Amino acid sequence: MVDEFDVAQALRGGIPDRARAWAFVRDFAAVWAEPLADGAGTRAEELERADEALGLPLPTALREAYSLLGTRHDLTGNQDPLLHPSELFVHDEFGGVLVFRSENQGCAFWGVRLRDLGQDDPPVFVRSRDGWVRFLERVSLACVELVLSETLLGSEGRLYNACELPAGPIRDMCQGQPGDCTAGVRTVICASESWRS
């Protein structure tokens, strides 16, 4: 798969706008999952109902994201899912935030400040134990991150393996670090093939 679509190469130069973000998502899905088909997105009527229920317009980029991949659970819903349009809500803190993504145990939320809803591709904030902090500068960029992380975490261990590292690699990682760094470095996410060769 890597030979067909090199993620690092595709991201070189960044994702400067929505069009580039959606092109990346389409190209990525075609190789690392299943191609995005017409109808893979949320229907316009569902998005309109969400607008009406919230009493707020969805930003253009969020509407485009839902229209492109809103029904693709494999790309958006394995760990910290994109909320279904009927599940969108406003979090009252931070002047109000339209939440569109939630950590699977409800410990973190991603959203757009209400005061930014008039922007086509507004900044995204994340709420965790430290309160609301800036996550990424655009919804479209946050959707690229969503697709990458949700694909990785939904790969049934094909793309990652949360494993305990053998002593040798831990020593190598801690070499030159002050004190005994090995005590805190026991489990990390590592490439599933890295330690098998």
N, C-alpha and C. Protein backbone atom coordinates (compact mmCIF):
# COMPACT_ATOMS: atom_id res chain seq x y z
N MET A 1 0.81 -1.19 0.00
CA MET A 1 0.00 0.00 0.00
C MET A 1 0.85 1.26 0.00
N VAL A 2 1.93 1.28 0.77
CA VAL A 2 2.77 2.46 0.87
C VAL A 2 3.31 2.87 -0.48
N ASP A 3 3.64 1.87 -1.32
CA ASP A 3 4.17 2.18 -2.65
C ASP A 3 3.15 2.91 -3.51
N GLU A 4 1.87 2.65 -3.27
CA GLU A 4 0.83 3.26 -4.07
C GLU A 4 0.48 4.68 -3.63
N PHE A 5 0.58 4.94 -2.34
CA PHE A 5 0.23 6.26 -1.82
C PHE A 5 1.09 6.53 -0.60
N ASP A 6 2.07 7.37 -0.76
CA ASP A 6 2.98 7.72 0.32
C ASP A 6 2.39 8.91 1.07
N VAL A 7 1.91 8.66 2.28
CA VAL A 7 1.25 9.70 3.07
C VAL A 7 2.18 10.88 3.30
N ALA A 8 3.43 10.59 3.68
CA ALA A 8 4.39 11.68 3.94
C ALA A 8 4.59 12.53 2.70
N GLN A 9 4.73 11.88 1.56
CA GLN A 9 4.92 12.62 0.30
C GLN A 9 3.66 13.45 -0.02
N ALA A 10 2.50 12.86 0.19
CA ALA A 10 1.25 13.57 -0.11
C ALA A 10 1.05 14.78 0.81
N LEU A 11 1.60 14.71 2.02
CA LEU A 11 1.46 15.82 2.96
C LEU A 11 2.59 16.84 2.86
N ARG A 12 3.61 16.52 2.09
CA ARG A 12 4.72 17.45 1.94
C ARG A 12 4.19 18.76 1.35
N GLY A 13 4.53 19.83 1.96
CA GLY A 13 4.03 21.13 1.52
C GLY A 13 2.76 21.52 2.24
N GLY A 14 2.22 20.61 3.04
CA GLY A 14 1.05 20.93 3.85
C GLY A 14 -0.27 20.77 3.11
N ILE A 15 -1.31 21.17 3.80
CA ILE A 15 -2.68 21.14 3.29
C ILE A 15 -3.16 22.59 3.33
N PRO A 16 -2.91 23.35 2.27
CA PRO A 16 -3.16 24.80 2.32
C PRO A 16 -4.63 25.23 2.29
N ASP A 17 -5.53 24.34 1.85
CA ASP A 17 -6.93 24.76 1.74
C ASP A 17 -7.86 23.56 1.74
N ARG A 18 -9.16 23.83 1.73
CA ARG A 18 -10.16 22.77 1.77
C ARG A 18 -10.06 21.84 0.57
N ALA A 19 -9.88 22.39 -0.60
CA ALA A 19 -9.81 21.55 -1.80
C ALA A 19 -8.69 20.53 -1.69
N ARG A 20 -7.54 20.95 -1.19
CA ARG A 20 -6.41 20.04 -1.03
C ARG A 20 -6.71 19.01 0.07
N ALA A 21 -7.39 19.42 1.13
CA ALA A 21 -7.75 18.48 2.20
C ALA A 21 -8.66 17.39 1.66
N TRP A 22 -9.69 17.77 0.93
CA TRP A 22 -10.63 16.76 0.42
C TRP A 22 -9.97 15.87 -0.63
N ALA A 23 -9.07 16.43 -1.44
CA ALA A 23 -8.34 15.60 -2.42
C ALA A 23 -7.47 14.58 -1.68
N PHE A 24 -6.79 15.02 -0.61
CA PHE A 24 -5.97 14.10 0.17
C PHE A 24 -6.84 12.97 0.74
N VAL A 25 -7.98 13.32 1.34
CA VAL A 25 -8.87 12.32 1.93
C VAL A 25 -9.32 11.31 0.88
N ARG A 26 -9.71 11.79 -0.30
CA ARG A 26 -10.13 10.88 -1.38
C ARG A 26 -8.99 9.95 -1.79
N ASP A 27 -7.80 10.51 -2.00
CA ASP A 27 -6.65 9.70 -2.42
C ASP A 27 -6.26 8.69 -1.34
N PHE A 28 -6.25 9.13 -0.10
CA PHE A 28 -5.90 8.26 1.02
C PHE A 28 -6.90 7.11 1.13
N ALA A 29 -8.18 7.41 1.11
CA ALA A 29 -9.22 6.39 1.24
C ALA A 29 -9.13 5.37 0.12
N ALA A 30 -8.83 5.83 -1.08
CA ALA A 30 -8.77 4.93 -2.23
C ALA A 30 -7.72 3.84 -2.06
N VAL A 31 -6.65 4.14 -1.34
CA VAL A 31 -5.56 3.18 -1.19
C VAL A 31 -5.58 2.48 0.17
N TRP A 32 -5.81 3.21 1.23
CA TRP A 32 -5.69 2.66 2.58
C TRP A 32 -7.00 2.08 3.11
N ALA A 33 -8.11 2.35 2.44
CA ALA A 33 -9.41 1.83 2.87
C ALA A 33 -10.16 1.42 1.60
N GLU A 34 -11.32 1.95 1.41
CA GLU A 34 -12.11 1.78 0.19
C GLU A 34 -12.33 3.15 -0.41
N PRO A 35 -12.34 3.26 -1.74
CA PRO A 35 -12.56 4.57 -2.35
C PRO A 35 -13.87 5.20 -1.87
N LEU A 36 -13.87 6.51 -1.79
CA LEU A 36 -15.09 7.24 -1.43
C LEU A 36 -16.03 7.22 -2.62
N ALA A 37 -17.18 6.65 -2.42
CA ALA A 37 -18.16 6.55 -3.50
C ALA A 37 -19.18 7.67 -3.37
N ASP A 38 -19.83 7.98 -4.47
CA ASP A 38 -20.95 8.91 -4.39
C ASP A 38 -21.94 8.34 -3.39
N GLY A 39 -22.45 9.15 -2.54
CA GLY A 39 -23.39 8.68 -1.53
C GLY A 39 -22.72 8.23 -0.24
N ALA A 40 -21.38 8.34 -0.16
CA ALA A 40 -20.68 7.96 1.07
C ALA A 40 -20.86 9.02 2.15
N GLY A 41 -21.34 10.15 1.75
CA GLY A 41 -21.50 11.24 2.70
C GLY A 41 -22.89 11.32 3.28
N THR A 42 -23.02 12.21 4.23
CA THR A 42 -24.31 12.48 4.86
C THR A 42 -25.20 13.22 3.86
N ARG A 43 -26.46 12.86 3.83
CA ARG A 43 -27.39 13.52 2.91
C ARG A 43 -27.62 14.97 3.33
N ALA A 44 -27.84 15.82 2.36
CA ALA A 44 -28.06 17.24 2.61
C ALA A 44 -29.23 17.48 3.56
N GLU A 45 -30.27 16.65 3.47
CA GLU A 45 -31.44 16.82 4.34
C GLU A 45 -31.06 16.63 5.81
N GLU A 46 -30.16 15.69 6.09
CA GLU A 46 -29.73 15.47 7.48
C GLU A 46 -28.94 16.67 8.00
N LEU A 47 -28.14 17.26 7.14
CA LEU A 47 -27.37 18.44 7.54
C LEU A 47 -28.29 19.63 7.78
N GLU A 48 -29.31 19.76 6.96
CA GLU A 48 -30.28 20.84 7.16
C GLU A 48 -31.05 20.65 8.47
N ARG A 49 -31.41 19.39 8.79
CA ARG A 49 -32.08 19.13 10.07
C ARG A 49 -31.17 19.49 11.25
N ALA A 50 -29.87 19.20 11.11
CA ALA A 50 -28.92 19.56 12.17
C ALA A 50 -28.87 21.07 12.34
N ASP A 51 -28.79 21.81 11.22
CA ASP A 51 -28.81 23.27 11.28
C ASP A 51 -30.04 23.76 12.04
N GLU A 52 -31.20 23.20 11.68
CA GLU A 52 -32.45 23.63 12.29
C GLU A 52 -32.50 23.28 13.77
N ALA A 53 -32.08 22.07 14.12
CA ALA A 53 -32.12 21.65 15.53
C ALA A 53 -31.19 22.50 16.39
N LEU A 54 -30.04 22.84 15.85
CA LEU A 54 -29.07 23.65 16.58
C LEU A 54 -29.43 25.14 16.57
N GLY A 55 -30.15 25.54 15.52
CA GLY A 55 -30.42 26.96 15.33
C GLY A 55 -29.17 27.70 14.88
N LEU A 56 -28.24 26.95 14.30
CA LEU A 56 -26.95 27.50 13.86
C LEU A 56 -26.58 26.89 12.51
N PRO A 57 -25.90 27.66 11.67
CA PRO A 57 -25.42 27.09 10.42
C PRO A 57 -24.10 26.35 10.63
N LEU A 58 -23.94 25.21 9.99
CA LEU A 58 -22.66 24.52 10.03
C LEU A 58 -21.67 25.27 9.14
N PRO A 59 -20.42 25.39 9.55
CA PRO A 59 -19.42 26.01 8.67
C PRO A 59 -19.29 25.21 7.37
N THR A 60 -18.96 25.89 6.30
CA THR A 60 -18.85 25.26 4.99
C THR A 60 -17.96 24.03 5.03
N ALA A 61 -16.80 24.12 5.65
CA ALA A 61 -15.86 22.99 5.66
C ALA A 61 -16.45 21.79 6.40
N LEU A 62 -17.17 22.02 7.48
CA LEU A 62 -17.77 20.91 8.21
C LEU A 62 -18.88 20.27 7.39
N ARG A 63 -19.66 21.09 6.73
CA ARG A 63 -20.71 20.59 5.84
C ARG A 63 -20.09 19.75 4.71
N GLU A 64 -18.99 20.23 4.13
CA GLU A 64 -18.31 19.49 3.07
C GLU A 64 -17.76 18.16 3.59
N ALA A 65 -17.19 18.18 4.80
CA ALA A 65 -16.65 16.95 5.39
C ALA A 65 -17.76 15.91 5.56
N TYR A 66 -18.88 16.32 6.12
CA TYR A 66 -20.00 15.39 6.28
C TYR A 66 -20.49 14.89 4.93
N SER A 67 -20.56 15.77 3.95
CA SER A 67 -21.04 15.39 2.62
C SER A 67 -20.09 14.42 1.93
N LEU A 68 -18.82 14.53 2.23
CA LEU A 68 -17.81 13.67 1.61
C LEU A 68 -17.72 12.30 2.27
N LEU A 69 -17.69 12.27 3.60
CA LEU A 69 -17.40 11.00 4.27
C LEU A 69 -18.21 10.75 5.53
N GLY A 70 -19.35 11.39 5.64
CA GLY A 70 -20.15 11.29 6.85
C GLY A 70 -20.68 9.92 7.19
N THR A 71 -20.76 9.01 6.24
CA THR A 71 -21.24 7.66 6.54
C THR A 71 -20.11 6.63 6.54
N ARG A 72 -18.89 7.09 6.44
CA ARG A 72 -17.74 6.17 6.39
C ARG A 72 -17.16 5.97 7.78
N HIS A 73 -17.78 5.08 8.54
CA HIS A 73 -17.35 4.80 9.91
C HIS A 73 -15.89 4.34 9.95
N ASP A 74 -15.45 3.61 8.94
CA ASP A 74 -14.06 3.13 8.91
C ASP A 74 -13.06 4.28 8.88
N LEU A 75 -13.45 5.42 8.35
CA LEU A 75 -12.57 6.59 8.26
C LEU A 75 -12.83 7.61 9.36
N THR A 76 -13.98 7.52 10.03
CA THR A 76 -14.34 8.59 10.96
C THR A 76 -14.82 8.12 12.33
N GLY A 77 -14.90 6.82 12.59
CA GLY A 77 -15.56 6.43 13.81
C GLY A 77 -15.00 5.25 14.57
N ASN A 78 -13.72 5.06 14.57
CA ASN A 78 -13.15 3.90 15.26
C ASN A 78 -12.78 4.15 16.71
N GLN A 79 -12.34 5.33 17.03
CA GLN A 79 -11.87 5.62 18.39
C GLN A 79 -12.52 6.89 18.93
N ASP A 80 -12.30 8.00 18.25
CA ASP A 80 -12.82 9.31 18.66
C ASP A 80 -13.66 9.84 17.50
N PRO A 81 -14.90 9.39 17.41
CA PRO A 81 -15.66 9.55 16.18
C PRO A 81 -16.17 10.96 15.86
N LEU A 82 -16.34 11.15 14.58
CA LEU A 82 -17.11 12.27 14.07
C LEU A 82 -18.55 11.99 14.48
N LEU A 83 -19.17 12.94 15.14
CA LEU A 83 -20.55 12.74 15.59
C LEU A 83 -21.51 12.73 14.42
N HIS A 84 -22.55 11.94 14.53
CA HIS A 84 -23.62 11.97 13.54
C HIS A 84 -24.24 13.37 13.61
N PRO A 85 -24.72 13.92 12.51
CA PRO A 85 -25.29 15.27 12.55
C PRO A 85 -26.37 15.46 13.62
N SER A 86 -27.14 14.43 13.90
CA SER A 86 -28.17 14.54 14.94
C SER A 86 -27.59 14.59 16.34
N GLU A 87 -26.30 14.26 16.49
CA GLU A 87 -25.64 14.27 17.79
C GLU A 87 -24.82 15.53 18.05
N LEU A 88 -24.73 16.42 17.06
CA LEU A 88 -24.00 17.67 17.25
C LEU A 88 -24.63 18.44 18.40
N PHE A 89 -23.80 19.12 19.18
CA PHE A 89 -24.33 19.89 20.29
C PHE A 89 -23.42 21.09 20.57
N VAL A 90 -23.95 22.02 21.34
CA VAL A 90 -23.19 23.20 21.74
C VAL A 90 -22.75 23.01 23.18
N HIS A 91 -21.46 23.08 23.38
CA HIS A 91 -20.87 23.05 24.73
C HIS A 91 -20.85 24.49 25.21
N ASP A 92 -21.33 24.73 26.43
CA ASP A 92 -21.51 26.10 26.92
C ASP A 92 -20.23 26.82 27.30
N GLU A 93 -19.18 26.10 27.62
CA GLU A 93 -17.93 26.76 28.02
C GLU A 93 -17.30 27.49 26.83
N PHE A 94 -16.36 28.37 27.14
CA PHE A 94 -15.51 29.00 26.12
C PHE A 94 -16.33 29.87 25.16
N GLY A 95 -17.43 30.42 25.65
CA GLY A 95 -18.28 31.25 24.81
C GLY A 95 -19.18 30.45 23.89
N GLY A 96 -19.21 29.16 24.06
CA GLY A 96 -20.02 28.27 23.23
C GLY A 96 -19.20 27.65 22.12
N VAL A 97 -19.27 26.34 22.02
CA VAL A 97 -18.51 25.60 21.01
C VAL A 97 -19.43 24.56 20.38
N LEU A 98 -19.52 24.56 19.07
CA LEU A 98 -20.26 23.54 18.33
C LEU A 98 -19.39 22.30 18.26
N VAL A 99 -19.78 21.25 18.97
CA VAL A 99 -18.99 20.02 19.06
C VAL A 99 -19.39 19.07 17.94
N PHE A 100 -18.35 18.59 17.19
CA PHE A 100 -18.59 17.66 16.09
C PHE A 100 -17.84 16.34 16.24
N ARG A 101 -16.99 16.23 17.25
CA ARG A 101 -16.22 15.00 17.46
C ARG A 101 -16.06 14.79 18.96
N SER A 102 -16.10 13.52 19.37
CA SER A 102 -16.00 13.21 20.79
C SER A 102 -15.06 12.04 21.02
N GLU A 103 -14.23 12.15 22.04
CA GLU A 103 -13.39 11.02 22.44
C GLU A 103 -14.32 9.89 22.87
N ASN A 104 -13.92 8.65 22.64
CA ASN A 104 -14.84 7.53 22.80
C ASN A 104 -15.38 7.34 24.22
N GLN A 105 -14.74 7.91 25.23
CA GLN A 105 -15.24 7.82 26.59
C GLN A 105 -15.76 9.16 27.10
N GLY A 106 -15.89 10.12 26.20
CA GLY A 106 -16.40 11.43 26.57
C GLY A 106 -15.42 12.30 27.34
N CYS A 107 -14.14 11.98 27.25
CA CYS A 107 -13.11 12.74 27.99
C CYS A 107 -12.60 13.96 27.22
N ALA A 108 -12.86 14.03 25.94
CA ALA A 108 -12.41 15.16 25.12
C ALA A 108 -13.44 15.41 24.03
N PHE A 109 -13.51 16.66 23.59
CA PHE A 109 -14.42 17.06 22.53
C PHE A 109 -13.69 17.98 21.57
N TRP A 110 -14.02 17.91 20.29
CA TRP A 110 -13.47 18.80 19.28
C TRP A 110 -14.62 19.64 18.74
N GLY A 111 -14.36 20.92 18.53
CA GLY A 111 -15.43 21.76 18.02
C GLY A 111 -14.96 23.11 17.53
N VAL A 112 -15.93 23.88 17.08
CA VAL A 112 -15.71 25.22 16.54
C VAL A 112 -16.42 26.22 17.45
N ARG A 113 -15.71 27.29 17.83
CA ARG A 113 -16.34 28.32 18.66
C ARG A 113 -17.52 28.92 17.89
N LEU A 114 -18.58 29.21 18.61
CA LEU A 114 -19.76 29.79 17.97
C LEU A 114 -19.42 31.09 17.25
N ARG A 115 -18.52 31.87 17.84
CA ARG A 115 -18.17 33.15 17.20
C ARG A 115 -17.41 32.96 15.88
N ASP A 116 -16.94 31.75 15.59
CA ASP A 116 -16.21 31.47 14.35
C ASP A 116 -17.06 30.78 13.29
N LEU A 117 -18.34 30.52 13.59
CA LEU A 117 -19.17 29.76 12.66
C LEU A 117 -19.36 30.44 11.31
N GLY A 118 -19.19 31.74 11.23
CA GLY A 118 -19.34 32.45 9.97
C GLY A 118 -18.17 32.25 9.02
N GLN A 119 -17.07 31.70 9.50
CA GLN A 119 -15.91 31.44 8.64
C GLN A 119 -16.14 30.15 7.86
N ASP A 120 -15.67 30.10 6.64
CA ASP A 120 -15.83 28.89 5.82
C ASP A 120 -15.07 27.70 6.40
N ASP A 121 -13.87 27.94 6.92
CA ASP A 121 -13.01 26.87 7.42
C ASP A 121 -12.36 27.33 8.73
N PRO A 122 -13.18 27.42 9.78
CA PRO A 122 -12.72 28.02 11.04
C PRO A 122 -11.76 27.12 11.83
N PRO A 123 -11.09 27.71 12.83
CA PRO A 123 -10.20 26.92 13.68
C PRO A 123 -10.98 25.93 14.53
N VAL A 124 -10.29 24.86 14.92
CA VAL A 124 -10.88 23.81 15.75
C VAL A 124 -10.19 23.84 17.11
N PHE A 125 -10.99 23.69 18.15
CA PHE A 125 -10.50 23.63 19.52
C PHE A 125 -10.83 22.26 20.10
N VAL A 126 -10.03 21.83 21.06
CA VAL A 126 -10.28 20.57 21.73
C VAL A 126 -10.39 20.83 23.23
N ARG A 127 -11.34 20.16 23.85
CA ARG A 127 -11.52 20.30 25.29
C ARG A 127 -11.07 19.00 25.94
N SER A 128 -10.15 19.15 26.86
CA SER A 128 -9.69 18.04 27.67
C SER A 128 -9.56 18.53 29.10
N ARG A 129 -8.79 17.88 29.91
CA ARG A 129 -8.69 18.27 31.32
C ARG A 129 -8.12 19.67 31.50
N ASP A 130 -7.46 20.21 30.48
CA ASP A 130 -6.89 21.56 30.55
C ASP A 130 -7.84 22.63 30.03
N GLY A 131 -9.08 22.27 29.77
CA GLY A 131 -10.03 23.22 29.20
C GLY A 131 -9.95 23.21 27.68
N TRP A 132 -10.49 24.25 27.07
CA TRP A 132 -10.49 24.36 25.61
C TRP A 132 -9.17 24.95 25.14
N VAL A 133 -8.50 24.26 24.23
CA VAL A 133 -7.25 24.74 23.66
C VAL A 133 -7.31 24.57 22.14
N ARG A 134 -6.55 25.39 21.46
CA ARG A 134 -6.53 25.31 20.00
C ARG A 134 -5.95 23.98 19.56
N PHE A 135 -6.62 23.32 18.64
CA PHE A 135 -6.19 22.03 18.11
C PHE A 135 -5.51 22.22 16.75
N LEU A 136 -6.27 22.68 15.77
CA LEU A 136 -5.72 22.96 14.44
C LEU A 136 -6.39 24.21 13.89
N GLU A 137 -5.72 24.84 12.94
CA GLU A 137 -6.21 26.14 12.47
C GLU A 137 -7.40 26.07 11.53
N ARG A 138 -7.77 24.86 11.06
CA ARG A 138 -8.91 24.77 10.14
C ARG A 138 -9.67 23.46 10.33
N VAL A 139 -10.97 23.49 10.13
CA VAL A 139 -11.79 22.29 10.17
C VAL A 139 -11.29 21.27 9.15
N SER A 140 -10.98 21.71 7.94
CA SER A 140 -10.55 20.76 6.90
C SER A 140 -9.28 20.03 7.32
N LEU A 141 -8.36 20.73 7.96
CA LEU A 141 -7.13 20.09 8.43
C LEU A 141 -7.44 19.12 9.57
N ALA A 142 -8.36 19.49 10.46
CA ALA A 142 -8.77 18.58 11.53
C ALA A 142 -9.43 17.33 10.96
N CYS A 143 -10.09 17.45 9.83
CA CYS A 143 -10.70 16.28 9.20
C CYS A 143 -9.65 15.36 8.59
N VAL A 144 -8.57 15.93 8.06
CA VAL A 144 -7.46 15.10 7.59
C VAL A 144 -6.89 14.31 8.76
N GLU A 145 -6.66 14.99 9.89
CA GLU A 145 -6.15 14.29 11.08
C GLU A 145 -7.13 13.21 11.53
N LEU A 146 -8.41 13.52 11.52
CA LEU A 146 -9.45 12.55 11.91
C LEU A 146 -9.36 11.29 11.06
N VAL A 147 -9.29 11.45 9.76
CA VAL A 147 -9.24 10.30 8.85
C VAL A 147 -7.96 9.49 9.08
N LEU A 148 -6.84 10.17 9.25
CA LEU A 148 -5.58 9.45 9.48
C LEU A 148 -5.62 8.68 10.80
N SER A 149 -6.03 9.34 11.88
CA SER A 149 -6.00 8.66 13.18
C SER A 149 -7.08 7.58 13.28
N GLU A 150 -8.26 7.83 12.77
CA GLU A 150 -9.32 6.83 12.84
C GLU A 150 -9.01 5.62 11.97
N THR A 151 -8.35 5.82 10.86
CA THR A 151 -7.94 4.69 10.02
C THR A 151 -6.88 3.87 10.74
N LEU A 152 -5.92 4.54 11.31
CA LEU A 152 -4.87 3.85 12.06
C LEU A 152 -5.47 3.03 13.19
N LEU A 153 -6.34 3.63 13.97
CA LEU A 153 -6.89 2.95 15.14
C LEU A 153 -7.93 1.90 14.79
N GLY A 154 -8.47 1.97 13.60
CA GLY A 154 -9.47 0.98 13.18
C GLY A 154 -8.92 -0.12 12.32
N SER A 155 -7.62 -0.19 12.22
CA SER A 155 -7.00 -1.12 11.29
C SER A 155 -6.88 -2.54 11.81
N GLU A 156 -7.49 -2.82 12.96
CA GLU A 156 -7.44 -4.16 13.57
C GLU A 156 -6.00 -4.62 13.76
N GLY A 157 -5.13 -3.67 14.13
CA GLY A 157 -3.75 -4.01 14.41
C GLY A 157 -2.85 -4.14 13.19
N ARG A 158 -3.40 -3.94 11.99
CA ARG A 158 -2.57 -4.05 10.79
C ARG A 158 -1.60 -2.88 10.65
N LEU A 159 -1.98 -1.71 11.14
CA LEU A 159 -1.15 -0.52 10.95
C LEU A 159 -0.42 -0.09 12.21
N TYR A 160 -0.81 -0.61 13.34
CA TYR A 160 -0.13 -0.26 14.59
C TYR A 160 -0.28 -1.43 15.56
N ASN A 161 0.50 -1.35 16.61
CA ASN A 161 0.41 -2.35 17.66
C ASN A 161 0.83 -1.68 18.95
N ALA A 162 -0.08 -1.57 19.90
CA ALA A 162 0.27 -1.04 21.20
C ALA A 162 0.94 -2.20 21.93
N CYS A 163 2.24 -2.14 22.03
CA CYS A 163 2.98 -3.29 22.54
C CYS A 163 3.99 -2.87 23.59
N GLU A 164 4.39 -3.82 24.41
CA GLU A 164 5.46 -3.57 25.36
C GLU A 164 6.77 -3.77 24.62
N LEU A 165 7.63 -2.80 24.72
CA LEU A 165 8.91 -2.88 24.01
C LEU A 165 9.89 -3.78 24.74
N PRO A 166 10.69 -4.50 23.99
CA PRO A 166 11.76 -5.27 24.60
C PRO A 166 12.79 -4.31 25.23
N ALA A 167 13.59 -4.83 26.16
CA ALA A 167 14.55 -4.01 26.91
C ALA A 167 15.55 -3.30 26.00
N GLY A 168 16.02 -3.94 24.95
CA GLY A 168 17.03 -3.34 24.07
C GLY A 168 16.58 -2.03 23.45
N PRO A 169 15.44 -1.99 22.78
CA PRO A 169 14.98 -0.72 22.21
C PRO A 169 14.72 0.35 23.27
N ILE A 170 14.25 -0.05 24.45
CA ILE A 170 14.04 0.93 25.52
C ILE A 170 15.37 1.55 25.91
N ARG A 171 16.39 0.73 26.09
CA ARG A 171 17.72 1.26 26.43
C ARG A 171 18.21 2.20 25.34
N ASP A 172 18.02 1.80 24.08
CA ASP A 172 18.46 2.64 22.97
C ASP A 172 17.74 3.99 22.97
N MET A 173 16.44 3.99 23.24
CA MET A 173 15.67 5.23 23.27
C MET A 173 16.11 6.13 24.41
N CYS A 174 16.52 5.55 25.52
CA CYS A 174 16.87 6.32 26.71
C CYS A 174 18.34 6.71 26.75
N GLN A 175 19.11 6.22 25.81
CA GLN A 175 20.53 6.51 25.82
C GLN A 175 20.76 8.02 25.78
N GLY A 176 21.59 8.50 26.70
CA GLY A 176 21.90 9.92 26.77
C GLY A 176 20.90 10.74 27.57
N GLN A 177 19.81 10.10 28.05
CA GLN A 177 18.81 10.81 28.85
C GLN A 177 19.26 10.83 30.31
N PRO A 178 18.99 11.91 31.02
CA PRO A 178 19.38 11.95 32.44
C PRO A 178 18.53 11.00 33.27
N GLY A 179 19.12 10.42 34.30
CA GLY A 179 18.39 9.55 35.22
C GLY A 179 18.00 8.23 34.57
N ASP A 180 17.06 7.55 35.21
CA ASP A 180 16.59 6.26 34.70
C ASP A 180 15.31 6.48 33.92
N CYS A 181 15.45 6.73 32.66
CA CYS A 181 14.29 6.99 31.80
C CYS A 181 13.50 5.72 31.55
N THR A 182 14.10 4.54 31.72
CA THR A 182 13.42 3.29 31.38
C THR A 182 12.21 3.03 32.26
N ALA A 183 12.16 3.59 33.45
CA ALA A 183 11.03 3.35 34.34
C ALA A 183 9.73 3.85 33.73
N GLY A 184 9.78 4.95 33.00
CA GLY A 184 8.57 5.51 32.42
C GLY A 184 8.32 5.12 30.99
N VAL A 185 9.25 4.40 30.39
CA VAL A 185 9.10 4.03 28.97
C VAL A 185 8.93 2.52 28.89
N ARG A 186 7.70 2.06 29.03
CA ARG A 186 7.46 0.62 28.93
C ARG A 186 6.54 0.29 27.77
N THR A 187 5.48 1.06 27.61
CA THR A 187 4.53 0.75 26.55
C THR A 187 4.38 1.97 25.65
N VAL A 188 4.55 1.76 24.39
CA VAL A 188 4.37 2.83 23.41
C VAL A 188 3.66 2.24 22.20
N ILE A 189 3.15 3.12 21.39
CA ILE A 189 2.59 2.65 20.13
C ILE A 189 3.76 2.49 19.17
N CYS A 190 3.86 1.33 18.60
CA CYS A 190 4.97 1.07 17.69
C CYS A 190 4.43 0.41 16.43
N ALA A 191 5.15 0.53 15.38
CA ALA A 191 4.75 -0.12 14.13
C ALA A 191 4.74 -1.62 14.35
N SER A 192 3.72 -2.28 13.87
CA SER A 192 3.54 -3.69 14.18
C SER A 192 4.70 -4.55 13.67
N GLU A 193 5.38 -4.12 12.66
CA GLU A 193 6.48 -4.91 12.13
C GLU A 193 7.84 -4.52 12.68
N SER A 194 7.93 -3.40 13.36
CA SER A 194 9.23 -2.86 13.78
C SER A 194 10.04 -3.80 14.63
N TRP A 195 9.40 -4.52 15.55
CA TRP A 195 10.16 -5.32 16.50
C TRP A 195 10.13 -6.80 16.15
N ARG A 196 9.57 -7.14 15.02
CA ARG A 196 9.47 -8.56 14.63
C ARG A 196 10.60 -9.00 13.74
N SER A 197 11.35 -8.08 13.18
CA SER A 197 12.39 -8.47 12.23
C SER A 197 13.68 -8.83 12.94
